[in-house]
Amino acid sequence: MPGHAATMEAWTVDLTERVIDRGKNKGRVGMAPNTIRQWWSAVRTWHRVAGENVPDLGLAGGVLEGYERVRSLDPTNTDGKGVPGLRLPSLQAMFRECDPATNAGARDRCLLALGWAMMARRSELAGLFFEDVAEVTEGIEVLVRRSKTDQLGRGRKVAIPWKTEQLGEMCPVVCVMKWRERMQVAGLATGGFLRGVDDHDHINGLGRVYAGKKSDAMSPITVELVIARAAVRAAVPNAAKLRGHSLRRGGATDAYAGGADILAIARHGGWGERSPVIFRYIEDVDRWKRNALAGITSIELDD
């Protein structure tokens, strides 16, 4: 430091050729363009803090522009966009494929129903503690301690009402209560709420080491695996493309289709009230609900 334009260019080339060694993109070559931009921002901010002139991104920007163009031609790369929403019909089919008589099935049912109802990110589901899910007269209140847009941990509470008449056994409140009861029977009342379950159907906890790890919390990657396995078993459309974010997008889309206004959806799911992301999520509904041809009834044609 100080960094220069050529340094930023060389570093950007390295980031576009780096092999990802962790997470859902493990094994892929090249970081996501938006991630590279975040790294740029961190370097420039550190320069400001140190009282140095921030490095110019002109040369690096040219590298990234070409990289994005090539990356856009790869159909397997979504870079966080284009992930399909997990809508109710598919969600219900996946829900039925989870055996409620087993610990794994009960947990998976809870994860699917709760994640959809919360419009949750996978990290928010994995980060839930037992005490974060409280039963109230109207249903349940879920405390999200920290999220992607709340790194300071101010937290927010998500209210989920009873929906037994509309959703039957897939009512999130029912699923949460059944999973909590199963946990309590196993002697678990603190720590992670959604946990790993081993091949013998044992819930992680009670001092046992699960998969070589002592932590009782489910990992975000496991959230994705639960969704992927249930989708394949149910043979739902776009099963191979579903991700953890599909629950978030599907919940927002179904809420909008059901008549909820955008502001209510944004507050429920923890988006900023002016976030453009939520408008991407509801586009599936608007394409038909507010189609440009929807108001046309009949046209008289001239002879």
Protein backbone atom coordinates (compact mmCIF):
# COMPACT_ATOMS: atom_id res chain seq x y z
CA MET A 1 0.00 0.00 0.00
CA PRO A 2 -0.65 2.36 -1.62
CA GLY A 3 -2.04 0.21 -4.39
CA HIS A 4 -1.92 1.33 -7.99
CA ALA A 5 -4.11 0.77 -11.03
CA ALA A 6 -1.82 -1.96 -12.36
CA THR A 7 -1.81 -3.69 -8.96
CA MET A 8 -5.61 -3.73 -8.87
CA GLU A 9 -5.67 -5.08 -12.42
CA ALA A 10 -3.29 -7.93 -11.62
CA TRP A 11 -5.19 -8.75 -8.43
CA THR A 12 -8.50 -8.81 -10.31
CA VAL A 13 -7.06 -11.23 -12.88
CA ASP A 14 -6.02 -13.50 -10.00
CA LEU A 15 -9.53 -13.39 -8.48
CA THR A 16 -11.12 -14.33 -11.81
CA GLU A 17 -8.82 -17.38 -12.06
CA ARG A 18 -8.92 -18.47 -8.43
CA VAL A 19 -10.39 -21.91 -7.64
CA ILE A 20 -13.15 -21.69 -5.02
CA ASP A 21 -12.28 -23.98 -2.11
CA ARG A 22 -15.39 -23.75 0.05
CA GLY A 23 -19.16 -23.27 -0.01
CA LYS A 24 -21.70 -24.26 -2.64
CA ASN A 25 -19.40 -23.15 -5.49
CA LYS A 26 -16.48 -25.27 -4.32
CA GLY A 27 -14.40 -26.39 -7.28
CA ARG A 28 -15.55 -23.63 -9.63
CA VAL A 29 -12.99 -21.29 -11.18
CA GLY A 30 -13.34 -17.57 -10.55
CA MET A 31 -15.11 -15.54 -7.89
CA ALA A 32 -18.50 -13.96 -8.54
CA PRO A 33 -18.22 -10.46 -10.06
CA ASN A 34 -20.15 -8.84 -7.22
CA THR A 35 -17.82 -10.49 -4.70
CA ILE A 36 -14.83 -9.05 -6.54
CA ARG A 37 -16.44 -5.61 -6.37
CA GLN A 38 -16.89 -6.02 -2.62
CA TRP A 39 -13.19 -6.86 -2.28
CA TRP A 40 -12.33 -3.77 -4.32
CA SER A 41 -14.46 -1.69 -1.98
CA ALA A 42 -12.71 -3.11 1.09
CA VAL A 43 -9.27 -2.23 -0.30
CA ARG A 44 -10.32 1.29 -1.26
CA THR A 45 -11.92 1.83 2.17
CA TRP A 46 -8.72 0.68 3.89
CA HIS A 47 -6.78 3.21 1.83
CA ARG A 48 -9.09 5.98 3.01
CA VAL A 49 -8.72 4.89 6.63
CA ALA A 50 -4.94 4.95 6.23
CA GLY A 51 -5.00 8.39 4.65
CA GLU A 52 -3.78 7.13 1.26
CA ASN A 53 -5.13 7.92 -2.18
CA VAL A 54 -7.54 5.20 -3.28
CA PRO A 55 -6.29 3.10 -6.22
CA ASP A 56 -7.86 3.68 -9.62
CA LEU A 57 -10.08 0.87 -10.94
CA GLY A 58 -9.94 1.73 -14.63
CA LEU A 59 -7.74 -1.19 -15.69
CA ALA A 60 -9.36 -3.60 -13.21
CA GLY A 61 -12.80 -2.56 -14.45
CA GLY A 62 -11.88 -3.58 -17.98
CA VAL A 63 -10.81 -7.01 -16.76
CA LEU A 64 -14.02 -7.49 -14.80
CA GLU A 65 -16.21 -6.34 -17.68
CA GLY A 66 -14.72 -8.97 -19.99
CA TYR A 67 -14.90 -11.61 -17.26
CA GLU A 68 -18.60 -10.89 -16.67
CA ARG A 69 -19.31 -11.15 -20.40
CA VAL A 70 -17.66 -14.58 -20.63
CA ARG A 71 -19.25 -15.75 -17.38
CA SER A 72 -22.74 -14.76 -18.59
CA LEU A 73 -22.44 -17.31 -21.41
CA ASP A 74 -22.12 -20.16 -18.89
CA PRO A 75 -25.67 -21.48 -18.23
CA THR A 76 -24.60 -23.02 -14.91
CA ASN A 77 -23.59 -19.64 -13.48
CA THR A 78 -26.35 -17.57 -11.95
CA ASP A 79 -24.23 -15.41 -9.62
CA GLY A 80 -27.17 -15.15 -7.25
CA LYS A 81 -29.64 -14.21 -9.97
CA GLY A 82 -32.16 -16.38 -11.71
CA VAL A 83 -32.49 -18.84 -8.83
CA PRO A 84 -36.07 -20.12 -9.12
CA GLY A 85 -38.50 -19.48 -6.29
CA LEU A 86 -39.87 -22.46 -4.40
CA ARG A 87 -43.60 -21.89 -4.83
CA LEU A 88 -46.32 -23.60 -2.82
CA PRO A 89 -47.22 -26.47 -5.19
CA SER A 90 -43.60 -27.64 -5.40
CA LEU A 91 -43.02 -26.97 -1.70
CA GLN A 92 -46.02 -29.12 -0.75
CA ALA A 93 -44.78 -31.96 -2.96
CA MET A 94 -41.35 -31.80 -1.29
CA PHE A 95 -42.96 -31.58 2.14
CA ARG A 96 -44.86 -34.83 1.54
CA GLU A 97 -41.60 -36.59 0.68
CA CYS A 98 -40.24 -35.93 4.19
CA ASP A 99 -41.16 -38.75 6.57
CA PRO A 100 -42.60 -37.20 9.77
CA ALA A 101 -41.98 -40.43 11.68
CA THR A 102 -38.21 -39.82 11.57
CA ASN A 103 -36.12 -37.09 13.14
CA ALA A 104 -34.67 -36.16 9.76
CA GLY A 105 -38.11 -35.95 8.17
CA ALA A 106 -39.58 -33.87 11.00
CA ARG A 107 -36.63 -31.49 10.87
CA ASP A 108 -36.82 -31.19 7.08
CA ARG A 109 -40.54 -30.44 7.23
CA CYS A 110 -39.89 -27.74 9.81
CA LEU A 111 -37.05 -26.27 7.75
CA LEU A 112 -39.06 -26.11 4.53
CA ALA A 113 -42.23 -24.68 6.07
CA LEU A 114 -40.43 -22.24 8.37
CA GLY A 115 -37.96 -21.06 5.73
CA TRP A 116 -40.75 -20.36 3.26
CA ALA A 117 -42.92 -18.58 5.84
CA MET A 118 -40.02 -16.45 7.11
CA MET A 119 -38.77 -15.73 3.57
CA ALA A 120 -35.49 -16.68 5.17
CA ARG A 121 -31.95 -16.80 3.93
CA ARG A 122 -30.19 -20.12 4.51
CA SER A 123 -27.83 -18.47 7.02
CA GLU A 124 -30.81 -17.17 9.01
CA LEU A 125 -32.29 -20.67 9.29
CA ALA A 126 -28.94 -22.20 10.23
CA GLY A 127 -28.36 -19.47 12.82
CA LEU A 128 -31.57 -20.00 14.80
CA PHE A 129 -31.31 -20.92 18.47
CA PHE A 130 -33.90 -22.78 20.51
CA GLU A 131 -34.84 -19.61 22.40
CA ASP A 132 -35.23 -17.62 19.16
CA VAL A 133 -38.49 -19.40 18.31
CA ALA A 134 -41.26 -18.39 20.73
CA GLU A 135 -44.83 -19.65 20.79
CA VAL A 136 -47.50 -16.95 21.16
CA THR A 137 -51.29 -17.02 20.99
CA GLU A 138 -51.35 -15.90 17.37
CA GLY A 139 -48.68 -18.39 16.22
CA ILE A 140 -44.92 -18.03 16.62
CA GLU A 141 -42.39 -15.19 16.72
CA VAL A 142 -38.95 -15.89 15.30
CA LEU A 143 -36.00 -13.73 16.27
CA VAL A 144 -33.45 -13.28 13.49
CA ARG A 145 -30.36 -12.19 15.42
CA ARG A 146 -28.18 -11.34 12.45
CA SER A 147 -28.58 -11.28 8.69
CA LYS A 148 -26.81 -10.25 5.51
CA THR A 149 -28.22 -6.73 5.81
CA ASP A 150 -27.88 -6.55 9.60
CA GLN A 151 -24.25 -7.31 10.41
CA LEU A 152 -24.43 -5.33 13.66
CA GLY A 153 -26.92 -7.81 15.04
CA ARG A 154 -29.76 -5.44 15.83
CA GLY A 155 -32.15 -8.29 15.07
CA ARG A 156 -35.73 -8.40 13.92
CA LYS A 157 -38.77 -10.46 14.89
CA VAL A 158 -40.77 -12.31 12.26
CA ALA A 159 -44.41 -13.01 13.12
CA ILE A 160 -45.85 -16.21 11.63
CA PRO A 161 -49.57 -16.82 12.25
CA TRP A 162 -51.49 -20.08 12.38
CA LYS A 163 -52.30 -21.35 8.87
CA THR A 164 -53.80 -24.76 9.51
CA GLU A 165 -56.96 -24.06 7.46
CA GLN A 166 -54.97 -22.95 4.43
CA LEU A 167 -51.90 -25.22 4.66
CA GLY A 168 -53.00 -28.15 6.79
CA GLU A 169 -50.07 -30.13 8.22
CA MET A 170 -47.64 -27.83 6.40
CA CYS A 171 -48.63 -24.95 8.69
CA PRO A 172 -45.25 -23.56 9.88
CA VAL A 173 -46.50 -23.18 13.44
CA VAL A 174 -47.50 -26.86 13.58
CA CYS A 175 -44.17 -27.96 12.09
CA VAL A 176 -42.20 -25.88 14.58
CA MET A 177 -44.15 -27.26 17.53
CA LYS A 178 -43.71 -30.85 16.39
CA TRP A 179 -39.98 -30.39 15.91
CA ARG A 180 -39.61 -28.62 19.26
CA GLU A 181 -41.48 -31.46 20.99
CA ARG A 182 -39.24 -34.05 19.34
CA MET A 183 -36.15 -32.13 20.46
CA GLN A 184 -37.43 -31.88 24.02
CA VAL A 185 -38.12 -35.62 24.13
CA ALA A 186 -34.48 -36.10 23.12
CA GLY A 187 -33.46 -33.90 26.05
CA LEU A 188 -32.56 -30.86 23.96
CA ALA A 189 -33.85 -27.44 25.01
CA THR A 190 -30.99 -25.06 24.26
CA GLY A 191 -28.53 -24.37 21.46
CA GLY A 192 -29.20 -24.66 17.75
CA PHE A 193 -32.83 -25.09 16.74
CA LEU A 194 -32.34 -26.81 13.38
CA ARG A 195 -29.65 -29.46 13.76
CA GLY A 196 -27.85 -32.14 11.86
CA VAL A 197 -29.26 -35.66 11.94
CA ASP A 198 -26.91 -38.61 11.33
CA ASP A 199 -27.44 -41.79 9.31
CA HIS A 200 -28.88 -43.49 12.40
CA ASP A 201 -31.47 -40.72 12.78
CA HIS A 202 -29.78 -39.31 15.89
CA ILE A 203 -30.16 -35.56 16.41
CA ASN A 204 -26.85 -33.78 16.89
CA GLY A 205 -26.44 -32.78 20.52
CA LEU A 206 -26.18 -34.17 24.02
CA GLY A 207 -22.39 -34.02 23.85
CA ARG A 208 -22.16 -36.34 20.83
CA VAL A 209 -19.75 -35.43 18.05
CA TYR A 210 -21.64 -35.25 14.76
CA ALA A 211 -19.73 -35.67 11.49
CA GLY A 212 -16.53 -34.85 13.35
CA LYS A 213 -17.90 -31.55 14.66
CA LYS A 214 -18.87 -30.59 18.19
CA SER A 215 -21.12 -27.70 17.12
CA ASP A 216 -24.84 -28.43 17.42
CA ALA A 217 -25.88 -25.85 14.81
CA MET A 218 -26.85 -26.79 11.28
CA SER A 219 -24.63 -25.32 8.59
CA PRO A 220 -26.02 -23.22 5.69
CA ILE A 221 -24.74 -25.88 3.29
CA THR A 222 -26.91 -28.48 5.03
CA VAL A 223 -29.94 -26.23 4.44
CA GLU A 224 -29.18 -26.42 0.72
CA LEU A 225 -28.77 -30.20 0.89
CA VAL A 226 -32.15 -30.63 2.57
CA ILE A 227 -33.82 -28.61 -0.19
CA ALA A 228 -31.93 -30.41 -2.97
CA ARG A 229 -32.69 -33.92 -1.69
CA ALA A 230 -36.39 -33.21 -1.11
CA ALA A 231 -36.67 -31.61 -4.57
CA VAL A 232 -35.13 -34.64 -6.27
CA ARG A 233 -37.33 -37.08 -4.35
CA ALA A 234 -40.45 -35.11 -5.27
CA ALA A 235 -39.27 -34.61 -8.88
CA VAL A 236 -40.41 -30.98 -8.85
CA PRO A 237 -39.71 -28.66 -11.80
CA ASN A 238 -36.25 -27.03 -11.76
CA ALA A 239 -35.17 -29.41 -8.99
CA ALA A 240 -31.49 -29.13 -9.95
CA LYS A 241 -31.62 -25.32 -9.86
CA LEU A 242 -33.23 -24.89 -6.43
CA ARG A 243 -31.02 -23.32 -3.78
CA GLY A 244 -31.36 -22.03 -0.22
CA HIS A 245 -32.51 -18.69 -1.63
CA SER A 246 -35.41 -20.44 -3.38
CA LEU A 247 -37.33 -20.52 -0.09
CA ARG A 248 -36.84 -16.78 0.31
CA ARG A 249 -37.92 -15.96 -3.22
CA GLY A 250 -40.82 -18.41 -3.18
CA GLY A 251 -42.20 -17.09 0.10
CA ALA A 252 -42.11 -13.49 -1.16
CA THR A 253 -43.69 -14.46 -4.48
CA ASP A 254 -46.51 -16.47 -2.90
CA ALA A 255 -47.21 -13.67 -0.41
CA TYR A 256 -47.45 -11.14 -3.25
CA ALA A 257 -49.72 -13.45 -5.25
CA GLY A 258 -51.90 -13.76 -2.15
CA GLY A 259 -52.42 -10.00 -1.99
CA ALA A 260 -49.72 -8.80 0.44
CA ASP A 261 -48.31 -5.37 -0.39
CA ILE A 262 -44.63 -4.90 -1.18
CA LEU A 263 -43.90 -2.91 1.97
CA ALA A 264 -45.29 -5.66 4.21
CA ILE A 265 -43.26 -8.28 2.34
CA ALA A 266 -40.08 -6.19 2.63
CA ARG A 267 -40.49 -5.77 6.39
CA HIS A 268 -41.37 -9.43 6.91
CA GLY A 269 -38.38 -10.72 4.95
CA GLY A 270 -35.89 -8.13 6.13
CA TRP A 271 -35.38 -6.28 2.86
CA GLY A 272 -34.82 -2.56 2.76
CA GLU A 273 -38.04 -0.72 1.91
CA ARG A 274 -36.42 0.57 -1.28
CA SER A 275 -34.58 -2.62 -2.16
CA PRO A 276 -34.78 -3.46 -5.89
CA VAL A 277 -34.23 -7.14 -5.08
CA ILE A 278 -37.78 -7.72 -3.94
CA PHE A 279 -39.11 -6.49 -7.29
CA ARG A 280 -37.08 -9.20 -9.01
CA TYR A 281 -38.64 -11.78 -6.74
CA ILE A 282 -42.24 -10.83 -7.54
CA GLU A 283 -41.76 -10.51 -11.29
CA ASP A 284 -43.14 -14.03 -11.79
CA VAL A 285 -46.51 -12.81 -10.51
CA ASP A 286 -46.54 -9.46 -12.30
CA ARG A 287 -45.83 -11.02 -15.68
CA TRP A 288 -49.35 -12.45 -15.56
CA LYS A 289 -51.20 -10.52 -12.87
CA ARG A 290 -50.34 -7.17 -14.45
CA ASN A 291 -49.77 -8.29 -18.00
CA ALA A 292 -49.96 -5.50 -20.59
CA LEU A 293 -52.71 -7.39 -22.42
CA ALA A 294 -54.78 -8.18 -19.31
CA GLY A 295 -57.23 -5.27 -19.88
CA ILE A 296 -58.08 -6.12 -23.47
CA THR A 297 -61.52 -7.71 -23.78
CA SER A 298 -62.50 -7.51 -27.44
CA ILE A 299 -61.53 -5.62 -30.56
CA GLU A 300 -63.69 -4.88 -33.55
CA LEU A 301 -61.79 -5.46 -36.74
CA ASP A 302 -62.44 -3.33 -39.78
CA ASP A 303 -63.68 -5.18 -42.85
